[in-house]
Amino acid sequence: MKRTAVLIALATALLQGCAVIAVADTAATVAVKGVGLAADAAIGTARLAGRAVGAAADAVIPGGD
């Protein structure tokens, strides 16, 4: 993580104007997508756990359709 930050800082120092904004925008996009993927994984895991608990409850609790 530190290495990436240093590389971005060096690239930003070497570039000018719009290129600096483009580099910062790309870095921010990569960070946001990483957080989004982690959230999607956590939500998927919670859904699977919920389904497993529901199936176990259906198997144990008598009655119903």
PDB file of N, CA and C in Angstrom:
ATOM      1  N   MET A   1       0.825  -1.176   0.000  1.00  0.00           N
ATOM      2  CA  MET A   1       0.000   0.000   0.000  1.00  0.00           C
ATOM      3  C   MET A   1       0.874   1.247   0.000  1.00  0.00           C
ATOM      4  N   LYS A   2       1.932   1.242   0.819  1.00  0.00           N
ATOM      5  CA  LYS A   2       2.822   2.395   0.872  1.00  0.00           C
ATOM      6  C   LYS A   2       3.537   2.574  -0.458  1.00  0.00           C
ATOM      7  N   ARG A   3       3.909   1.457  -1.055  1.00  0.00           N
ATOM      8  CA  ARG A   3       4.624   1.504  -2.330  1.00  0.00           C
ATOM      9  C   ARG A   3       3.743   2.130  -3.406  1.00  0.00           C
ATOM     10  N   THR A   4       2.457   1.777  -3.397  1.00  0.00           N
ATOM     11  CA  THR A   4       1.515   2.344  -4.368  1.00  0.00           C
ATOM     12  C   THR A   4       1.369   3.840  -4.153  1.00  0.00           C
ATOM     13  N   ALA A   5       1.268   4.251  -2.906  1.00  0.00           N
ATOM     14  CA  ALA A   5       1.130   5.673  -2.602  1.00  0.00           C
ATOM     15  C   ALA A   5       2.358   6.453  -3.057  1.00  0.00           C
ATOM     16  N   VAL A   6       3.528   5.886  -2.858  1.00  0.00           N
ATOM     17  CA  VAL A   6       4.768   6.545  -3.291  1.00  0.00           C
ATOM     18  C   VAL A   6       4.804   6.661  -4.813  1.00  0.00           C
ATOM     19  N   LEU A   7       4.424   5.586  -5.503  1.00  0.00           N
ATOM     20  CA  LEU A   7       4.414   5.620  -6.958  1.00  0.00           C
ATOM     21  C   LEU A   7       3.425   6.653  -7.493  1.00  0.00           C
ATOM     22  N   ILE A   8       2.267   6.732  -6.875  1.00  0.00           N
ATOM     23  CA  ILE A   8       1.283   7.738  -7.293  1.00  0.00           C
ATOM     24  C   ILE A   8       1.806   9.135  -7.028  1.00  0.00           C
ATOM     25  N   ALA A   9       2.437   9.335  -5.879  1.00  0.00           N
ATOM     26  CA  ALA A   9       2.995  10.651  -5.565  1.00  0.00           C
ATOM     27  C   ALA A   9       4.076  11.044  -6.565  1.00  0.00           C
ATOM     28  N   LEU A  10       4.948  10.100  -6.917  1.00  0.00           N
ATOM     29  CA  LEU A  10       5.995  10.389  -7.903  1.00  0.00           C
ATOM     30  C   LEU A  10       5.399  10.680  -9.271  1.00  0.00           C
ATOM     31  N   ALA A  11       4.429   9.890  -9.671  1.00  0.00           N
ATOM     32  CA  ALA A  11       3.787  10.120 -10.970  1.00  0.00           C
ATOM     33  C   ALA A  11       3.095  11.465 -10.992  1.00  0.00           C
ATOM     34  N   THR A  12       2.456  11.822  -9.887  1.00  0.00           N
ATOM     35  CA  THR A  12       1.772  13.112  -9.799  1.00  0.00           C
ATOM     36  C   THR A  12       2.765  14.263  -9.873  1.00  0.00           C
ATOM     37  N   ALA A  13       3.908  14.099  -9.231  1.00  0.00           N
ATOM     38  CA  ALA A  13       4.922  15.155  -9.249  1.00  0.00           C
ATOM     39  C   ALA A  13       5.496  15.352 -10.648  1.00  0.00           C
ATOM     40  N   LEU A  14       5.588  14.289 -11.427  1.00  0.00           N
ATOM     41  CA  LEU A  14       6.162  14.368 -12.761  1.00  0.00           C
ATOM     42  C   LEU A  14       5.174  14.853 -13.818  1.00  0.00           C
ATOM     43  N   LEU A  15       3.897  14.718 -13.537  1.00  0.00           N
ATOM     44  CA  LEU A  15       2.876  15.114 -14.510  1.00  0.00           C
ATOM     45  C   LEU A  15       2.349  16.504 -14.205  1.00  0.00           C
ATOM     46  N   GLN A  16       1.679  17.090 -15.193  1.00  0.00           N
ATOM     47  CA  GLN A  16       1.141  18.433 -14.986  1.00  0.00           C
ATOM     48  C   GLN A  16      -0.318  18.486 -15.413  1.00  0.00           C
ATOM     49  N   GLY A  17      -1.039  19.476 -14.869  1.00  0.00           N
ATOM     50  CA  GLY A  17      -2.392  19.793 -15.309  1.00  0.00           C
ATOM     51  C   GLY A  17      -3.372  18.638 -15.274  1.00  0.00           C
ATOM     52  N   CYS A  18      -3.991  18.375 -16.402  1.00  0.00           N
ATOM     53  CA  CYS A  18      -5.044  17.366 -16.514  1.00  0.00           C
ATOM     54  C   CYS A  18      -4.530  15.958 -16.214  1.00  0.00           C
ATOM     55  N   ALA A  19      -3.271  15.711 -16.517  1.00  0.00           N
ATOM     56  CA  ALA A  19      -2.715  14.388 -16.265  1.00  0.00           C
ATOM     57  C   ALA A  19      -2.707  14.081 -14.774  1.00  0.00           C
ATOM     58  N   VAL A  20      -2.452  15.085 -13.950  1.00  0.00           N
ATOM     59  CA  VAL A  20      -2.459  14.892 -12.491  1.00  0.00           C
ATOM     60  C   VAL A  20      -3.857  14.502 -12.035  1.00  0.00           C
ATOM     61  N   ILE A  21      -4.852  15.188 -12.561  1.00  0.00           N
ATOM     62  CA  ILE A  21      -6.235  14.885 -12.204  1.00  0.00           C
ATOM     63  C   ILE A  21      -6.601  13.479 -12.655  1.00  0.00           C
ATOM     64  N   ALA A  22      -6.153  13.095 -13.842  1.00  0.00           N
ATOM     65  CA  ALA A  22      -6.454  11.759 -14.361  1.00  0.00           C
ATOM     66  C   ALA A  22      -5.837  10.672 -13.479  1.00  0.00           C
ATOM     67  N   VAL A  23      -4.606  10.889 -13.033  1.00  0.00           N
ATOM     68  CA  VAL A  23      -3.946   9.905 -12.167  1.00  0.00           C
ATOM     69  C   VAL A  23      -4.682   9.800 -10.836  1.00  0.00           C
ATOM     70  N   ALA A  24      -5.060  10.928 -10.255  1.00  0.00           N
ATOM     71  CA  ALA A  24      -5.777  10.924  -8.979  1.00  0.00           C
ATOM     72  C   ALA A  24      -7.143  10.265  -9.138  1.00  0.00           C
ATOM     73  N   ASP A  25      -7.808  10.559 -10.258  1.00  0.00           N
ATOM     74  CA  ASP A  25      -9.125   9.964 -10.516  1.00  0.00           C
ATOM     75  C   ASP A  25      -9.013   8.448 -10.654  1.00  0.00           C
ATOM     76  N   THR A  26      -8.010   7.985 -11.353  1.00  0.00           N
ATOM     77  CA  THR A  26      -7.808   6.545 -11.526  1.00  0.00           C
ATOM     78  C   THR A  26      -7.535   5.869 -10.185  1.00  0.00           C
ATOM     79  N   ALA A  27      -6.695   6.480  -9.377  1.00  0.00           N
ATOM     80  CA  ALA A  27      -6.390   5.911  -8.058  1.00  0.00           C
ATOM     81  C   ALA A  27      -7.639   5.841  -7.191  1.00  0.00           C
ATOM     82  N   ALA A  28      -8.451   6.890  -7.220  1.00  0.00           N
ATOM     83  CA  ALA A  28      -9.684   6.907  -6.430  1.00  0.00           C
ATOM     84  C   ALA A  28     -10.662   5.845  -6.933  1.00  0.00           C
ATOM     85  N   THR A  29     -10.753   5.696  -8.239  1.00  0.00           N
ATOM     86  CA  THR A  29     -11.657   4.698  -8.812  1.00  0.00           C
ATOM     87  C   THR A  29     -11.252   3.291  -8.397  1.00  0.00           C
ATOM     88  N   VAL A  30      -9.960   3.006  -8.439  1.00  0.00           N
ATOM     89  CA  VAL A  30      -9.463   1.685  -8.039  1.00  0.00           C
ATOM     90  C   VAL A  30      -9.779   1.430  -6.567  1.00  0.00           C
ATOM     91  N   ALA A  31      -9.592   2.432  -5.726  1.00  0.00           N
ATOM     92  CA  ALA A  31      -9.868   2.273  -4.295  1.00  0.00           C
ATOM     93  C   ALA A  31     -11.350   2.015  -4.047  1.00  0.00           C
ATOM     94  N   VAL A  32     -12.212   2.780  -4.712  1.00  0.00           N
ATOM     95  CA  VAL A  32     -13.656   2.627  -4.518  1.00  0.00           C
ATOM     96  C   VAL A  32     -14.127   1.263  -5.015  1.00  0.00           C
ATOM     97  N   LYS A  33     -13.605   0.819  -6.151  1.00  0.00           N
ATOM     98  CA  LYS A  33     -14.004  -0.493  -6.672  1.00  0.00           C
ATOM     99  C   LYS A  33     -13.558  -1.604  -5.736  1.00  0.00           C
ATOM    100  N   GLY A  34     -12.380  -1.465  -5.130  1.00  0.00           N
ATOM    101  CA  GLY A  34     -11.909  -2.465  -4.168  1.00  0.00           C
ATOM    102  C   GLY A  34     -12.826  -2.561  -2.968  1.00  0.00           C
ATOM    103  N   VAL A  35     -13.265  -1.416  -2.457  1.00  0.00           N
ATOM    104  CA  VAL A  35     -14.194  -1.400  -1.321  1.00  0.00           C
ATOM    105  C   VAL A  35     -15.531  -2.006  -1.738  1.00  0.00           C
ATOM    106  N   GLY A  36     -15.977  -1.683  -2.954  1.00  0.00           N
ATOM    107  CA  GLY A  36     -17.236  -2.234  -3.454  1.00  0.00           C
ATOM    108  C   GLY A  36     -17.192  -3.740  -3.573  1.00  0.00           C
ATOM    109  N   LEU A  37     -16.084  -4.267  -4.059  1.00  0.00           N
ATOM    110  CA  LEU A  37     -15.948  -5.717  -4.184  1.00  0.00           C
ATOM    111  C   LEU A  37     -15.948  -6.391  -2.821  1.00  0.00           C
ATOM    112  N   ALA A  38     -15.281  -5.782  -1.855  1.00  0.00           N
ATOM    113  CA  ALA A  38     -15.261  -6.343  -0.500  1.00  0.00           C
ATOM    114  C   ALA A  38     -16.666  -6.338   0.097  1.00  0.00           C
ATOM    115  N   ALA A  39     -17.412  -5.265  -0.128  1.00  0.00           N
ATOM    116  CA  ALA A  39     -18.783  -5.189   0.379  1.00  0.00           C
ATOM    117  C   ALA A  39     -19.659  -6.240  -0.295  1.00  0.00           C
ATOM    118  N   ASP A  40     -19.517  -6.407  -1.602  1.00  0.00           N
ATOM    119  CA  ASP A  40     -20.293  -7.425  -2.325  1.00  0.00           C
ATOM    120  C   ASP A  40     -20.000  -8.816  -1.783  1.00  0.00           C
ATOM    121  N   ALA A  41     -18.743  -9.083  -1.492  1.00  0.00           N
ATOM    122  CA  ALA A  41     -18.367 -10.393  -0.949  1.00  0.00           C
ATOM    123  C   ALA A  41     -18.994 -10.607   0.424  1.00  0.00           C
ATOM    124  N   ALA A  42     -18.971  -9.576   1.260  1.00  0.00           N
ATOM    125  CA  ALA A  42     -19.550  -9.692   2.600  1.00  0.00           C
ATOM    126  C   ALA A  42     -21.059  -9.896   2.527  1.00  0.00           C
ATOM    127  N   ILE A  43     -21.722  -9.178   1.626  1.00  0.00           N
ATOM    128  CA  ILE A  43     -23.171  -9.318   1.469  1.00  0.00           C
ATOM    129  C   ILE A  43     -23.515 -10.715   0.953  1.00  0.00           C
ATOM    130  N   GLY A  44     -22.741 -11.198  -0.011  1.00  0.00           N
ATOM    131  CA  GLY A  44     -22.968 -12.546  -0.535  1.00  0.00           C
ATOM    132  C   GLY A  44     -22.802 -13.604   0.532  1.00  0.00           C
ATOM    133  N   THR A  45     -21.786 -13.445   1.373  1.00  0.00           N
ATOM    134  CA  THR A  45     -21.561 -14.394   2.466  1.00  0.00           C
ATOM    135  C   THR A  45     -22.717 -14.365   3.458  1.00  0.00           C
ATOM    136  N   ALA A  46     -23.206 -13.177   3.772  1.00  0.00           N
ATOM    137  CA  ALA A  46     -24.335 -13.055   4.709  1.00  0.00           C
ATOM    138  C   ALA A  46     -25.592 -13.693   4.124  1.00  0.00           C
ATOM    139  N   ARG A  47     -25.808 -13.526   2.822  1.00  0.00           N
ATOM    140  CA  ARG A  47     -26.988 -14.138   2.188  1.00  0.00           C
ATOM    141  C   ARG A  47     -26.911 -15.662   2.233  1.00  0.00           C
ATOM    142  N   LEU A  48     -25.724 -16.187   1.947  1.00  0.00           N
ATOM    143  CA  LEU A  48     -25.557 -17.641   1.993  1.00  0.00           C
ATOM    144  C   LEU A  48     -25.784 -18.177   3.405  1.00  0.00           C
ATOM    145  N   ALA A  49     -25.257 -17.462   4.394  1.00  0.00           N
ATOM    146  CA  ALA A  49     -25.438 -17.882   5.787  1.00  0.00           C
ATOM    147  C   ALA A  49     -26.915 -17.833   6.158  1.00  0.00           C
ATOM    148  N   GLY A  50     -27.612 -16.802   5.709  1.00  0.00           N
ATOM    149  CA  GLY A  50     -29.044 -16.678   5.988  1.00  0.00           C
ATOM    150  C   GLY A  50     -29.841 -17.808   5.363  1.00  0.00           C
ATOM    151  N   ARG A  51     -29.479 -18.171   4.148  1.00  0.00           N
ATOM    152  CA  ARG A  51     -30.166 -19.274   3.473  1.00  0.00           C
ATOM    153  C   ARG A  51     -29.912 -20.597   4.197  1.00  0.00           C
ATOM    154  N   ALA A  52     -28.685 -20.785   4.655  1.00  0.00           N
ATOM    155  CA  ALA A  52     -28.350 -22.018   5.371  1.00  0.00           C
ATOM    156  C   ALA A  52     -29.133 -22.098   6.679  1.00  0.00           C
ATOM    157  N   VAL A  53     -29.235 -21.001   7.398  1.00  0.00           N
ATOM    158  CA  VAL A  53     -29.991 -20.977   8.657  1.00  0.00           C
ATOM    159  C   VAL A  53     -31.466 -21.238   8.373  1.00  0.00           C
ATOM    160  N   GLY A  54     -31.994 -20.621   7.312  1.00  0.00           N
ATOM    161  CA  GLY A  54     -33.399 -20.838   6.948  1.00  0.00           C
ATOM    162  C   GLY A  54     -33.680 -22.277   6.591  1.00  0.00           C
ATOM    163  N   ALA A  55     -32.767 -22.881   5.820  1.00  0.00           N
ATOM    164  CA  ALA A  55     -32.955 -24.281   5.429  1.00  0.00           C
ATOM    165  C   ALA A  55     -32.883 -25.195   6.648  1.00  0.00           C
ATOM    166  N   ALA A  56     -31.983 -24.904   7.576  1.00  0.00           N
ATOM    167  CA  ALA A  56     -31.878 -25.707   8.791  1.00  0.00           C
ATOM    168  C   ALA A  56     -33.129 -25.572   9.637  1.00  0.00           C
ATOM    169  N   ALA A  57     -33.661 -24.354   9.728  1.00  0.00           N
ATOM    170  CA  ALA A  57     -34.889 -24.132  10.496  1.00  0.00           C
ATOM    171  C   ALA A  57     -36.059 -24.864   9.856  1.00  0.00           C
ATOM    172  N   ASP A  58     -36.147 -24.819   8.526  1.00  0.00           N
ATOM    173  CA  ASP A  58     -37.235 -25.530   7.819  1.00  0.00           C
ATOM    174  C   ASP A  58     -37.145 -27.030   8.056  1.00  0.00           C
ATOM    175  N   ALA A  59     -35.942 -27.551   8.127  1.00  0.00           N
ATOM    176  CA  ALA A  59     -35.762 -28.990   8.332  1.00  0.00           C
ATOM    177  C   ALA A  59     -36.138 -29.409   9.743  1.00  0.00           C
ATOM    178  N   VAL A  60     -35.935 -28.533  10.706  1.00  0.00           N
ATOM    179  CA  VAL A  60     -36.150 -28.869  12.122  1.00  0.00           C
ATOM    180  C   VAL A  60     -37.593 -28.584  12.558  1.00  0.00           C
ATOM    181  N   ILE A  61     -38.150 -27.471  12.092  1.00  0.00           N
ATOM    182  CA  ILE A  61     -39.487 -27.050  12.549  1.00  0.00           C
ATOM    183  C   ILE A  61     -40.544 -27.795  11.727  1.00  0.00           C
ATOM    184  N   PRO A  62     -41.403 -28.547  12.388  1.00  0.00           N
ATOM    185  CA  PRO A  62     -42.445 -29.285  11.668  1.00  0.00           C
ATOM    186  C   PRO A  62     -43.572 -28.374  11.206  1.00  0.00           C
ATOM    187  N   GLY A  63     -44.318 -28.828  10.206  1.00  0.00           N
ATOM    188  CA  GLY A  63     -45.491 -28.095   9.732  1.00  0.00           C
ATOM    189  C   GLY A  63     -45.164 -27.244   8.525  1.00  0.00           C
ATOM    190  N   GLY A  64     -46.130 -26.502   8.086  1.00  0.00           N
ATOM    191  CA  GLY A  64     -45.950 -25.644   6.917  1.00  0.00           C
ATOM    192  C   GLY A  64     -46.355 -26.361   5.649  1.00  0.00           C
ATOM    193  N   ASP A  65     -46.209 -25.668   4.546  1.00  0.00           N
ATOM    194  CA  ASP A  65     -46.639 -26.226   3.248  1.00  0.00           C
ATOM    195  C   ASP A  65     -45.609 -27.165   2.703  1.00  0.00           C
TER     196      ASP A  65
END
